[in-house]
Amino acid sequence: MKKQPPRAVSRMPITQARINLGQLAKRVHLNGEYFILEKDGIPVVGIMGADELEDYLEIRDENVKERIRQNNADIAAGRVAAAYNVLSEIRVLKLKDSKSR
C-alpha cells in the first residue's frame, strides 16, 4: 500500500479566507490541501475536502469502528483476503493466461 505524501496545511485569518473562499475551495478540492482559519491569531476552524470529512465522520461512528475491527480479525484469521492481495493474484493469473496463448 502506497503512503500518501504529507498534505500542505496553511493558516490564515478568517477575514482573508472570506475574501478568497472560492480559491480556497478549489485548492482543497483539487490539491487536497488543508486550511486552519484563525480569529485574532487563535485557530478556530479547519477546512478539508468533503469526501475526507465524510470518511472522518464515519470512522468516529462506533458501529463503523466495530465493523473495521471485525474485518481486520477476519483477515488475520484467513477467512477473507485483503483486496490488494486478491488483485495481485488476478494480475498473475491474467499474465499466465496471456503467455499460454
Protein backbone atom coordinates (compact mmCIF):
# COMPACT_ATOMS: atom_id res chain seq x y z
CA MET A 1 0.00 0.00 0.00
CA LYS A 2 1.44 3.38 -1.05
CA LYS A 3 1.97 6.05 1.55
CA GLN A 4 0.42 9.35 0.58
CA PRO A 5 2.68 12.39 0.69
CA PRO A 6 2.01 14.83 3.53
CA ARG A 7 -0.54 17.44 2.62
CA ALA A 8 0.00 21.16 2.94
CA VAL A 9 -1.60 22.83 5.93
CA SER A 10 -1.93 26.59 5.61
CA ARG A 11 -3.02 29.02 8.28
CA MET A 12 -4.75 32.30 7.58
CA PRO A 13 -7.08 34.84 9.17
CA ILE A 14 -10.80 34.26 8.66
CA THR A 15 -11.10 37.70 7.05
CA GLN A 16 -8.57 36.74 4.36
CA ALA A 17 -10.28 33.37 3.84
CA ARG A 18 -13.63 35.10 3.34
CA ILE A 19 -12.17 37.22 0.55
CA ASN A 20 -10.56 34.18 -1.14
CA LEU A 21 -13.13 31.50 -0.32
CA GLY A 22 -13.62 30.33 -3.91
CA GLN A 23 -9.88 29.95 -4.41
CA LEU A 24 -9.51 28.08 -1.09
CA ALA A 25 -12.31 25.69 -2.01
CA LYS A 26 -10.64 24.98 -5.35
CA ARG A 27 -7.26 24.28 -3.70
CA VAL A 28 -8.87 21.97 -1.15
CA HIS A 29 -10.83 20.11 -3.81
CA LEU A 30 -8.08 19.80 -6.44
CA ASN A 31 -4.90 19.61 -4.34
CA GLY A 32 -6.19 18.08 -1.11
CA GLU A 33 -4.84 20.99 0.91
CA TYR A 34 -5.96 21.82 4.45
CA PHE A 35 -6.57 25.27 5.90
CA ILE A 36 -6.68 26.41 9.51
CA LEU A 37 -8.60 29.66 9.85
CA GLU A 38 -7.73 31.96 12.73
CA LYS A 39 -9.53 34.73 14.56
CA ASP A 40 -7.17 37.12 16.33
CA GLY A 41 -4.37 34.56 15.87
CA ILE A 42 -6.36 31.74 17.52
CA PRO A 43 -7.21 28.70 15.37
CA VAL A 44 -11.00 28.32 15.27
CA VAL A 45 -11.90 26.20 12.23
CA GLY A 46 -10.35 23.89 9.67
CA ILE A 47 -11.20 23.31 6.02
CA MET A 48 -10.84 19.90 4.36
CA GLY A 49 -12.41 18.16 1.37
CA ALA A 50 -15.98 16.87 1.70
CA ASP A 51 -15.09 13.23 0.88
CA GLU A 52 -12.40 13.16 3.52
CA LEU A 53 -14.72 14.78 6.06
CA GLU A 54 -17.36 12.12 5.38
CA ASP A 55 -14.73 9.39 5.89
CA TYR A 56 -13.63 11.03 9.13
CA LEU A 57 -17.20 11.23 10.43
CA GLU A 58 -17.85 7.57 9.55
CA ILE A 59 -14.75 6.44 11.42
CA ARG A 60 -15.93 8.28 14.52
CA ASP A 61 -19.11 6.15 14.43
CA GLU A 62 -18.75 3.23 16.89
CA ASN A 63 -20.63 0.85 14.55
CA VAL A 64 -18.14 1.59 11.77
CA LYS A 65 -15.20 1.09 14.15
CA GLU A 66 -16.60 -2.30 15.18
CA ARG A 67 -17.04 -3.40 11.55
CA ILE A 68 -13.44 -2.40 10.84
CA ARG A 69 -12.25 -4.44 13.86
CA GLN A 70 -14.29 -7.44 12.69
CA ASN A 71 -12.95 -7.17 9.15
CA ASN A 72 -9.36 -6.97 10.41
CA ALA A 73 -9.96 -10.06 12.58
CA ASP A 74 -11.37 -11.91 9.55
CA ILE A 75 -8.27 -11.01 7.51
CA ALA A 76 -5.93 -12.06 10.33
CA ALA A 77 -7.76 -15.39 10.69
CA GLY A 78 -7.56 -16.03 6.94
CA ARG A 79 -11.34 -16.01 6.47
CA VAL A 80 -11.02 -13.25 3.85
CA ALA A 81 -8.16 -11.76 1.86
CA ALA A 82 -7.21 -8.13 1.60
CA ALA A 83 -8.28 -6.60 -1.72
CA TYR A 84 -4.74 -5.79 -2.86
CA ASN A 85 -3.75 -9.47 -2.40
CA VAL A 86 -6.71 -10.62 -4.50
CA LEU A 87 -5.92 -8.07 -7.21
CA SER A 88 -2.29 -9.21 -7.30
CA GLU A 89 -3.40 -12.83 -7.73
CA ILE A 90 -5.75 -11.83 -10.57
CA ARG A 91 -2.93 -9.98 -12.34
CA VAL A 92 -0.65 -13.02 -12.06
CA LEU A 93 -3.37 -15.30 -13.45
CA LYS A 94 -4.04 -12.91 -16.36
CA LEU A 95 -0.34 -12.72 -17.12
CA LYS A 96 -0.02 -16.53 -17.12
CA ASP A 97 -3.12 -16.83 -19.31
CA SER A 98 -1.81 -14.33 -21.88
CA LYS A 99 1.58 -16.12 -22.04
CA SER A 100 -0.02 -19.53 -22.57
CA ARG A 101 -1.90 -18.37 -25.69
